[in-house]
């Protein structure tokens, strides 16, 4: 389920950025990117910081192992990564 507001409620600058990403990637922008940009101060900033801590912070796993694990889980959930 997609919320219409999250799919289309971005500022003009964000819409330009999303269009640029879609052109460069040659595919639609993943929903997670749209979600992170929508109300960035409320959700996106905090989620991005948490993701960076989890993926780049201290761990017994290497960064590569964490990236591979994230890609594997995304694949199992049929989510583009």
N, C-alpha and C. Protein backbone atom coordinates (compact mmCIF):
# COMPACT_ATOMS: atom_id res chain seq x y z
N UNK A 1 0.84 -1.17 0.00
CA UNK A 1 0.00 0.00 0.00
C UNK A 1 0.88 1.23 0.00
N UNK A 2 0.61 2.15 -0.89
CA UNK A 2 1.34 3.41 -0.95
C UNK A 2 0.43 4.54 -0.53
N UNK A 3 0.96 5.42 0.30
CA UNK A 3 0.20 6.60 0.67
C UNK A 3 0.40 7.64 -0.42
N UNK A 4 -0.67 8.19 -0.93
CA UNK A 4 -0.62 9.16 -2.02
C UNK A 4 0.26 10.36 -1.63
N UNK A 5 0.14 10.79 -0.40
CA UNK A 5 0.91 11.96 0.05
C UNK A 5 2.41 11.68 0.02
N UNK A 6 2.83 10.50 0.42
CA UNK A 6 4.26 10.15 0.42
C UNK A 6 4.75 9.97 -1.02
N UNK A 7 3.89 9.49 -1.89
CA UNK A 7 4.28 9.28 -3.28
C UNK A 7 4.38 10.59 -4.06
N UNK A 8 3.58 11.59 -3.70
CA UNK A 8 3.53 12.81 -4.51
C UNK A 8 3.60 14.11 -3.71
N UNK A 9 3.81 14.06 -2.42
CA UNK A 9 3.76 15.26 -1.59
C UNK A 9 5.10 15.92 -1.33
N UNK A 10 6.03 15.82 -2.26
CA UNK A 10 7.37 16.38 -2.05
C UNK A 10 7.44 17.83 -2.52
N UNK A 11 8.46 18.53 -2.02
CA UNK A 11 8.70 19.90 -2.45
C UNK A 11 9.22 19.88 -3.89
N UNK A 12 9.26 21.05 -4.51
CA UNK A 12 9.76 21.13 -5.88
C UNK A 12 11.20 20.63 -5.98
N UNK A 13 12.04 21.03 -5.04
CA UNK A 13 13.44 20.59 -5.05
C UNK A 13 13.54 19.07 -4.91
N UNK A 14 12.71 18.49 -4.07
CA UNK A 14 12.72 17.04 -3.90
C UNK A 14 12.22 16.34 -5.15
N UNK A 15 11.21 16.92 -5.81
CA UNK A 15 10.70 16.33 -7.05
C UNK A 15 11.78 16.34 -8.14
N UNK A 16 12.54 17.43 -8.21
CA UNK A 16 13.64 17.51 -9.18
C UNK A 16 14.68 16.44 -8.86
N UNK A 17 15.03 16.30 -7.60
CA UNK A 17 16.01 15.29 -7.19
C UNK A 17 15.50 13.87 -7.52
N UNK A 18 14.25 13.59 -7.21
CA UNK A 18 13.68 12.28 -7.50
C UNK A 18 13.67 11.99 -9.00
N UNK A 19 13.35 13.00 -9.80
CA UNK A 19 13.36 12.82 -11.26
C UNK A 19 14.78 12.56 -11.76
N UNK A 20 15.75 13.30 -11.22
CA UNK A 20 17.15 13.11 -11.60
C UNK A 20 17.61 11.69 -11.27
N UNK A 21 17.27 11.23 -10.07
CA UNK A 21 17.64 9.86 -9.67
C UNK A 21 17.02 8.85 -10.62
N UNK A 22 15.76 9.03 -10.96
CA UNK A 22 15.08 8.09 -11.87
C UNK A 22 15.74 8.08 -13.25
N UNK A 23 16.17 9.24 -13.73
CA UNK A 23 16.83 9.30 -15.04
C UNK A 23 18.18 8.61 -14.99
N UNK A 24 18.96 8.90 -13.96
CA UNK A 24 20.29 8.31 -13.84
C UNK A 24 20.20 6.80 -13.65
N UNK A 25 19.29 6.35 -12.80
CA UNK A 25 19.15 4.93 -12.51
C UNK A 25 18.38 4.17 -13.59
N UNK A 26 17.66 4.90 -14.44
CA UNK A 26 16.85 4.30 -15.50
C UNK A 26 15.77 3.36 -14.97
N UNK A 27 15.22 3.74 -13.84
CA UNK A 27 14.12 2.97 -13.23
C UNK A 27 13.43 3.86 -12.21
N UNK A 28 12.24 3.51 -11.79
CA UNK A 28 11.56 4.34 -10.78
C UNK A 28 12.35 4.39 -9.47
N UNK A 29 12.22 5.49 -8.78
CA UNK A 29 12.90 5.66 -7.50
C UNK A 29 12.26 4.73 -6.48
N UNK A 30 13.07 3.99 -5.72
CA UNK A 30 12.49 3.09 -4.70
C UNK A 30 11.66 3.86 -3.67
N UNK A 31 10.61 3.22 -3.19
CA UNK A 31 9.73 3.86 -2.21
C UNK A 31 10.46 4.30 -0.95
N UNK A 32 11.50 3.57 -0.56
CA UNK A 32 12.23 3.95 0.65
C UNK A 32 12.87 5.33 0.49
N UNK A 33 13.33 5.66 -0.70
CA UNK A 33 13.92 6.97 -0.94
C UNK A 33 12.85 8.05 -0.84
N UNK A 34 11.68 7.79 -1.42
CA UNK A 34 10.58 8.75 -1.33
C UNK A 34 10.17 8.97 0.13
N UNK A 35 10.15 7.90 0.90
CA UNK A 35 9.78 8.00 2.31
C UNK A 35 10.79 8.79 3.10
N UNK A 36 12.08 8.57 2.82
CA UNK A 36 13.13 9.29 3.54
C UNK A 36 13.10 10.79 3.23
N UNK A 37 12.71 11.15 2.02
CA UNK A 37 12.65 12.57 1.66
C UNK A 37 11.40 13.26 2.18
N UNK A 38 10.30 12.52 2.28
CA UNK A 38 9.05 13.10 2.73
C UNK A 38 9.13 13.40 4.23
N UNK A 39 8.89 14.63 4.60
CA UNK A 39 8.97 15.08 6.00
C UNK A 39 10.29 14.63 6.63
N UNK A 40 11.37 15.05 5.98
CA UNK A 40 12.71 14.62 6.36
C UNK A 40 13.03 14.89 7.83
N UNK A 41 12.61 16.04 8.34
CA UNK A 41 12.91 16.37 9.74
C UNK A 41 12.16 15.45 10.71
N UNK A 42 11.00 14.96 10.30
CA UNK A 42 10.20 14.10 11.17
C UNK A 42 10.67 12.66 11.16
N UNK A 43 11.00 12.13 9.98
CA UNK A 43 11.34 10.72 9.87
C UNK A 43 12.66 10.48 9.18
N UNK A 44 12.84 11.07 8.01
CA UNK A 44 13.98 10.75 7.15
C UNK A 44 15.33 10.92 7.79
N UNK A 45 15.51 12.03 8.49
CA UNK A 45 16.81 12.29 9.13
C UNK A 45 17.13 11.24 10.17
N UNK A 46 16.17 10.91 10.99
CA UNK A 46 16.39 9.94 12.08
C UNK A 46 16.61 8.54 11.53
N UNK A 47 15.84 8.16 10.53
CA UNK A 47 16.00 6.84 9.94
C UNK A 47 17.36 6.72 9.24
N UNK A 48 17.76 7.78 8.56
CA UNK A 48 19.06 7.76 7.88
C UNK A 48 20.21 7.64 8.89
N UNK A 49 20.12 8.37 10.00
CA UNK A 49 21.15 8.28 11.03
C UNK A 49 21.20 6.88 11.64
N UNK A 50 20.05 6.30 11.91
CA UNK A 50 20.00 4.95 12.46
C UNK A 50 20.61 3.94 11.49
N UNK A 51 20.27 4.06 10.22
CA UNK A 51 20.81 3.15 9.21
C UNK A 51 22.33 3.27 9.14
N UNK A 52 22.86 4.48 9.19
CA UNK A 52 24.31 4.67 9.16
C UNK A 52 24.97 4.04 10.38
N UNK A 53 24.37 4.19 11.55
CA UNK A 53 24.93 3.59 12.76
C UNK A 53 24.96 2.07 12.65
N UNK A 54 23.87 1.50 12.15
CA UNK A 54 23.78 0.05 12.04
C UNK A 54 24.74 -0.49 10.99
N UNK A 55 24.81 0.19 9.85
CA UNK A 55 25.60 -0.32 8.73
C UNK A 55 27.08 0.05 8.82
N UNK A 56 27.42 1.12 9.54
CA UNK A 56 28.82 1.57 9.58
C UNK A 56 29.41 1.64 10.98
N UNK A 57 28.61 1.45 11.99
CA UNK A 57 29.10 1.53 13.36
C UNK A 57 29.90 0.30 13.76
N UNK A 58 30.37 0.27 15.00
CA UNK A 58 31.15 -0.86 15.50
C UNK A 58 30.37 -2.17 15.40
N UNK A 59 31.03 -3.21 14.94
CA UNK A 59 30.38 -4.51 14.78
C UNK A 59 31.44 -5.59 14.57
N UNK A 60 31.09 -6.81 14.89
CA UNK A 60 31.97 -7.94 14.57
C UNK A 60 31.92 -8.26 13.08
N UNK A 61 30.87 -7.79 12.39
CA UNK A 61 30.74 -8.02 10.95
C UNK A 61 31.40 -6.87 10.20
N UNK A 62 31.96 -7.18 9.04
CA UNK A 62 32.52 -6.13 8.19
C UNK A 62 31.38 -5.37 7.53
N UNK A 63 31.71 -4.20 6.98
CA UNK A 63 30.70 -3.42 6.26
C UNK A 63 30.16 -4.24 5.09
N UNK A 64 31.03 -4.94 4.39
CA UNK A 64 30.61 -5.78 3.26
C UNK A 64 29.64 -6.87 3.68
N UNK A 65 29.92 -7.51 4.82
CA UNK A 65 29.02 -8.56 5.32
C UNK A 65 27.64 -7.98 5.66
N UNK A 66 27.62 -6.80 6.26
CA UNK A 66 26.35 -6.16 6.60
C UNK A 66 25.57 -5.78 5.35
N UNK A 67 26.27 -5.27 4.33
CA UNK A 67 25.61 -4.91 3.07
C UNK A 67 25.04 -6.16 2.40
N UNK A 68 25.81 -7.24 2.40
CA UNK A 68 25.35 -8.49 1.80
C UNK A 68 24.13 -9.03 2.55
N UNK A 69 24.16 -8.97 3.86
CA UNK A 69 23.03 -9.43 4.67
C UNK A 69 21.79 -8.59 4.36
N UNK A 70 21.95 -7.27 4.26
CA UNK A 70 20.82 -6.38 3.95
C UNK A 70 20.25 -6.70 2.56
N UNK A 71 21.13 -6.93 1.59
CA UNK A 71 20.67 -7.26 0.24
C UNK A 71 19.93 -8.60 0.23
N UNK A 72 20.44 -9.57 0.98
CA UNK A 72 19.80 -10.89 1.04
C UNK A 72 18.41 -10.79 1.65
N UNK A 73 18.28 -10.07 2.75
CA UNK A 73 16.98 -9.92 3.42
C UNK A 73 16.01 -9.17 2.51
N UNK A 74 16.50 -8.14 1.82
CA UNK A 74 15.65 -7.39 0.89
C UNK A 74 15.15 -8.31 -0.22
N UNK A 75 16.02 -9.16 -0.72
CA UNK A 75 15.63 -10.10 -1.77
C UNK A 75 14.55 -11.06 -1.26
N UNK A 76 14.73 -11.58 -0.06
CA UNK A 76 13.72 -12.48 0.51
C UNK A 76 12.37 -11.78 0.66
N UNK A 77 12.40 -10.49 0.97
CA UNK A 77 11.17 -9.70 1.12
C UNK A 77 10.68 -9.12 -0.19
N UNK A 78 11.35 -9.49 -1.29
CA UNK A 78 11.00 -8.99 -2.62
C UNK A 78 11.01 -7.47 -2.69
N UNK A 79 12.01 -6.88 -2.03
CA UNK A 79 12.19 -5.43 -2.04
C UNK A 79 13.44 -5.09 -2.84
N UNK A 80 13.39 -4.09 -3.72
CA UNK A 80 14.61 -3.71 -4.43
C UNK A 80 15.62 -3.13 -3.44
N UNK A 81 16.87 -3.46 -3.63
CA UNK A 81 17.92 -2.97 -2.72
C UNK A 81 19.00 -2.32 -3.53
